[in-house]
Amino acid sequence: MKTRTYRGYKIKPVQQGEVVIYKVFSAEEWEEPYRSSDWDACSLMEAKDYINSQFTDTPVTEENCLNYCTITGFELIMNG
């Protein structure tokens, strides 16, 4: 599975059991030796939607993701 670059962000697919999670990293975070992803997406499209939202007046965050999902149809799975 290949890491992709989209609008300056890195999208790294990670196999977790039978599913693939697309981890989104900012350019700054990608350069860190111990990095944590900005977002975990269920699909490449969701990862790109998240990145695109970061260039708007109302970017998706952990705090507003449920409202954003309801309004736009942005898909989300809750872990745990």
N, C-alpha and C. Protein backbone atom coordinates (compact mmCIF):
# COMPACT_ATOMS: atom_id res chain seq x y z
N MET A 1 0.85 -1.17 0.00
CA MET A 1 0.00 0.00 0.00
C MET A 1 0.89 1.23 0.00
N LYS A 2 0.56 2.16 -0.85
CA LYS A 2 1.41 3.30 -1.11
C LYS A 2 0.90 4.56 -0.41
N THR A 3 1.82 5.31 0.19
CA THR A 3 1.48 6.60 0.78
C THR A 3 1.31 7.61 -0.34
N ARG A 4 0.25 8.41 -0.26
CA ARG A 4 -0.04 9.41 -1.29
C ARG A 4 0.09 10.80 -0.70
N THR A 5 0.34 11.77 -1.56
CA THR A 5 0.34 13.17 -1.17
C THR A 5 -0.84 13.84 -1.85
N TYR A 6 -1.61 14.60 -1.08
CA TYR A 6 -2.76 15.32 -1.61
C TYR A 6 -2.82 16.68 -0.94
N ARG A 7 -2.68 17.75 -1.72
CA ARG A 7 -2.75 19.13 -1.23
C ARG A 7 -1.81 19.36 -0.05
N GLY A 8 -0.63 18.77 -0.10
CA GLY A 8 0.37 18.96 0.94
C GLY A 8 0.25 18.03 2.12
N TYR A 9 -0.80 17.24 2.17
CA TYR A 9 -1.00 16.26 3.25
C TYR A 9 -0.54 14.89 2.77
N LYS A 10 -0.16 14.04 3.69
CA LYS A 10 0.19 12.66 3.37
C LYS A 10 -0.98 11.77 3.80
N ILE A 11 -1.34 10.81 2.95
CA ILE A 11 -2.37 9.83 3.26
C ILE A 11 -1.70 8.46 3.22
N LYS A 12 -1.66 7.82 4.38
CA LYS A 12 -0.98 6.53 4.49
C LYS A 12 -2.01 5.44 4.79
N PRO A 13 -2.20 4.50 3.86
CA PRO A 13 -3.10 3.38 4.14
C PRO A 13 -2.45 2.39 5.10
N VAL A 14 -3.20 1.97 6.11
CA VAL A 14 -2.69 1.03 7.11
C VAL A 14 -3.70 -0.11 7.25
N GLN A 15 -3.23 -1.32 7.05
CA GLN A 15 -4.09 -2.50 7.20
C GLN A 15 -4.32 -2.75 8.69
N GLN A 16 -5.59 -2.78 9.11
CA GLN A 16 -5.94 -3.10 10.49
C GLN A 16 -6.96 -4.24 10.45
N GLY A 17 -6.46 -5.45 10.62
CA GLY A 17 -7.33 -6.61 10.49
C GLY A 17 -7.76 -6.76 9.05
N GLU A 18 -9.07 -6.79 8.82
CA GLU A 18 -9.59 -6.96 7.47
C GLU A 18 -9.87 -5.64 6.76
N VAL A 19 -9.71 -4.52 7.45
CA VAL A 19 -10.01 -3.22 6.85
C VAL A 19 -8.75 -2.38 6.70
N VAL A 20 -8.84 -1.41 5.81
CA VAL A 20 -7.75 -0.45 5.61
C VAL A 20 -8.21 0.89 6.17
N ILE A 21 -7.39 1.49 7.01
CA ILE A 21 -7.64 2.83 7.54
C ILE A 21 -6.67 3.77 6.84
N TYR A 22 -7.16 4.92 6.40
CA TYR A 22 -6.33 5.91 5.74
C TYR A 22 -5.98 6.99 6.76
N LYS A 23 -4.72 7.01 7.17
CA LYS A 23 -4.26 7.98 8.17
C LYS A 23 -3.79 9.23 7.45
N VAL A 24 -4.30 10.39 7.88
CA VAL A 24 -3.98 11.67 7.25
C VAL A 24 -3.00 12.42 8.15
N PHE A 25 -1.91 12.87 7.56
CA PHE A 25 -0.87 13.60 8.28
C PHE A 25 -0.63 14.95 7.61
N SER A 26 -0.48 16.00 8.41
CA SER A 26 -0.06 17.29 7.86
C SER A 26 1.41 17.19 7.49
N ALA A 27 1.89 18.11 6.67
CA ALA A 27 3.30 18.10 6.26
C ALA A 27 4.22 18.22 7.47
N GLU A 28 3.84 19.06 8.43
CA GLU A 28 4.66 19.25 9.63
C GLU A 28 4.73 17.97 10.45
N GLU A 29 3.59 17.33 10.63
CA GLU A 29 3.53 16.11 11.43
C GLU A 29 4.29 14.97 10.74
N TRP A 30 4.23 14.93 9.42
CA TRP A 30 4.90 13.87 8.66
C TRP A 30 6.41 13.90 8.88
N GLU A 31 6.97 15.09 9.10
CA GLU A 31 8.41 15.24 9.29
C GLU A 31 8.88 14.80 10.68
N GLU A 32 7.96 14.67 11.62
CA GLU A 32 8.32 14.30 12.99
C GLU A 32 8.71 12.82 13.08
N PRO A 33 9.68 12.48 13.94
CA PRO A 33 10.06 11.07 14.09
C PRO A 33 8.94 10.23 14.73
N TYR A 34 8.20 10.81 15.65
CA TYR A 34 7.06 10.13 16.28
C TYR A 34 5.82 10.92 15.91
N ARG A 35 5.11 10.45 14.91
CA ARG A 35 4.00 11.24 14.40
C ARG A 35 2.66 10.63 14.80
N SER A 36 1.69 11.50 14.89
CA SER A 36 0.32 11.03 15.08
C SER A 36 -0.53 11.64 13.97
N SER A 37 -1.49 10.87 13.51
CA SER A 37 -2.29 11.32 12.37
C SER A 37 -3.27 12.41 12.80
N ASP A 38 -3.58 13.30 11.86
CA ASP A 38 -4.58 14.34 12.09
C ASP A 38 -5.99 13.74 12.02
N TRP A 39 -6.15 12.69 11.21
CA TRP A 39 -7.47 12.12 10.97
C TRP A 39 -7.31 10.67 10.53
N ASP A 40 -8.20 9.80 10.95
CA ASP A 40 -8.26 8.42 10.47
C ASP A 40 -9.53 8.29 9.64
N ALA A 41 -9.37 7.97 8.37
CA ALA A 41 -10.50 7.89 7.45
C ALA A 41 -10.79 6.45 7.06
N CYS A 42 -12.04 6.18 6.72
CA CYS A 42 -12.47 4.84 6.31
C CYS A 42 -12.25 4.61 4.82
N SER A 43 -12.04 5.68 4.07
CA SER A 43 -11.84 5.54 2.63
C SER A 43 -10.92 6.66 2.16
N LEU A 44 -10.38 6.47 0.97
CA LEU A 44 -9.54 7.51 0.39
C LEU A 44 -10.37 8.76 0.12
N MET A 45 -11.62 8.58 -0.28
CA MET A 45 -12.50 9.73 -0.52
C MET A 45 -12.73 10.52 0.77
N GLU A 46 -12.96 9.83 1.88
CA GLU A 46 -13.15 10.52 3.16
C GLU A 46 -11.88 11.28 3.54
N ALA A 47 -10.72 10.69 3.30
CA ALA A 47 -9.45 11.37 3.61
C ALA A 47 -9.33 12.65 2.79
N LYS A 48 -9.67 12.58 1.51
CA LYS A 48 -9.60 13.77 0.66
C LYS A 48 -10.64 14.80 1.07
N ASP A 49 -11.84 14.36 1.45
CA ASP A 49 -12.86 15.30 1.94
C ASP A 49 -12.37 16.03 3.17
N TYR A 50 -11.74 15.30 4.09
CA TYR A 50 -11.19 15.92 5.30
C TYR A 50 -10.14 16.96 4.92
N ILE A 51 -9.22 16.60 4.04
CA ILE A 51 -8.17 17.53 3.63
C ILE A 51 -8.78 18.75 2.95
N ASN A 52 -9.72 18.55 2.04
CA ASN A 52 -10.37 19.68 1.37
C ASN A 52 -11.03 20.61 2.37
N SER A 53 -11.60 20.06 3.43
CA SER A 53 -12.28 20.90 4.43
C SER A 53 -11.30 21.81 5.15
N GLN A 54 -10.03 21.42 5.21
CA GLN A 54 -9.04 22.23 5.92
C GLN A 54 -8.75 23.54 5.18
N PHE A 55 -9.18 23.65 3.94
CA PHE A 55 -8.97 24.85 3.14
C PHE A 55 -10.24 25.70 3.05
N THR A 56 -11.20 25.45 3.95
CA THR A 56 -12.45 26.21 3.99
C THR A 56 -12.52 27.03 5.27
N ASP A 57 -13.57 27.82 5.39
CA ASP A 57 -13.78 28.62 6.60
C ASP A 57 -14.20 27.76 7.79
N THR A 58 -14.70 26.56 7.53
CA THR A 58 -15.15 25.67 8.60
C THR A 58 -14.53 24.29 8.44
N PRO A 59 -13.24 24.16 8.76
CA PRO A 59 -12.59 22.86 8.62
C PRO A 59 -13.14 21.84 9.60
N VAL A 60 -13.09 20.57 9.21
CA VAL A 60 -13.52 19.49 10.10
C VAL A 60 -12.50 19.34 11.22
N THR A 61 -13.01 19.22 12.44
CA THR A 61 -12.18 18.96 13.62
C THR A 61 -12.84 17.84 14.41
N GLU A 62 -12.16 17.34 15.42
CA GLU A 62 -12.78 16.32 16.28
C GLU A 62 -14.01 16.87 16.97
N GLU A 63 -14.01 18.16 17.29
CA GLU A 63 -15.12 18.76 18.02
C GLU A 63 -16.37 18.92 17.16
N ASN A 64 -16.21 19.21 15.87
CA ASN A 64 -17.39 19.47 15.04
C ASN A 64 -17.69 18.38 14.03
N CYS A 65 -16.97 17.24 14.09
CA CYS A 65 -17.11 16.24 13.03
C CYS A 65 -18.51 15.66 12.94
N LEU A 66 -19.22 15.48 14.05
CA LEU A 66 -20.57 14.92 13.97
C LEU A 66 -21.52 15.87 13.28
N ASN A 67 -21.44 17.18 13.59
CA ASN A 67 -22.27 18.16 12.90
C ASN A 67 -21.93 18.20 11.42
N TYR A 68 -20.65 18.18 11.10
CA TYR A 68 -20.21 18.21 9.71
C TYR A 68 -20.72 16.99 8.96
N CYS A 69 -20.65 15.82 9.58
CA CYS A 69 -21.11 14.58 8.94
C CYS A 69 -22.60 14.64 8.64
N THR A 70 -23.37 15.17 9.57
CA THR A 70 -24.81 15.25 9.40
C THR A 70 -25.16 16.19 8.25
N ILE A 71 -24.48 17.32 8.18
CA ILE A 71 -24.80 18.33 7.17
C ILE A 71 -24.36 17.90 5.77
N THR A 72 -23.18 17.30 5.65
CA THR A 72 -22.60 17.03 4.34
C THR A 72 -22.68 15.58 3.89
N GLY A 73 -22.99 14.67 4.80
CA GLY A 73 -22.97 13.26 4.45
C GLY A 73 -21.58 12.65 4.55
N PHE A 74 -20.64 13.40 5.08
CA PHE A 74 -19.27 12.93 5.30
C PHE A 74 -19.34 11.68 6.16
N GLU A 75 -18.74 10.57 5.72
CA GLU A 75 -18.86 9.31 6.44
C GLU A 75 -17.90 9.25 7.61
N LEU A 76 -18.35 8.63 8.68
CA LEU A 76 -17.55 8.55 9.89
C LEU A 76 -17.83 7.23 10.58
N ILE A 77 -16.79 6.57 11.07
CA ILE A 77 -17.02 5.44 11.97
C ILE A 77 -16.39 5.79 13.30
N MET A 78 -17.09 5.48 14.33
CA MET A 78 -16.60 5.76 15.68
C MET A 78 -15.88 4.52 16.17
N ASN A 79 -14.69 4.68 16.69
CA ASN A 79 -13.93 3.57 17.24
C ASN A 79 -14.23 3.45 18.72
N GLY A 80 -14.35 2.20 19.19
CA GLY A 80 -14.51 1.98 20.62
C GLY A 80 -15.93 1.93 20.98
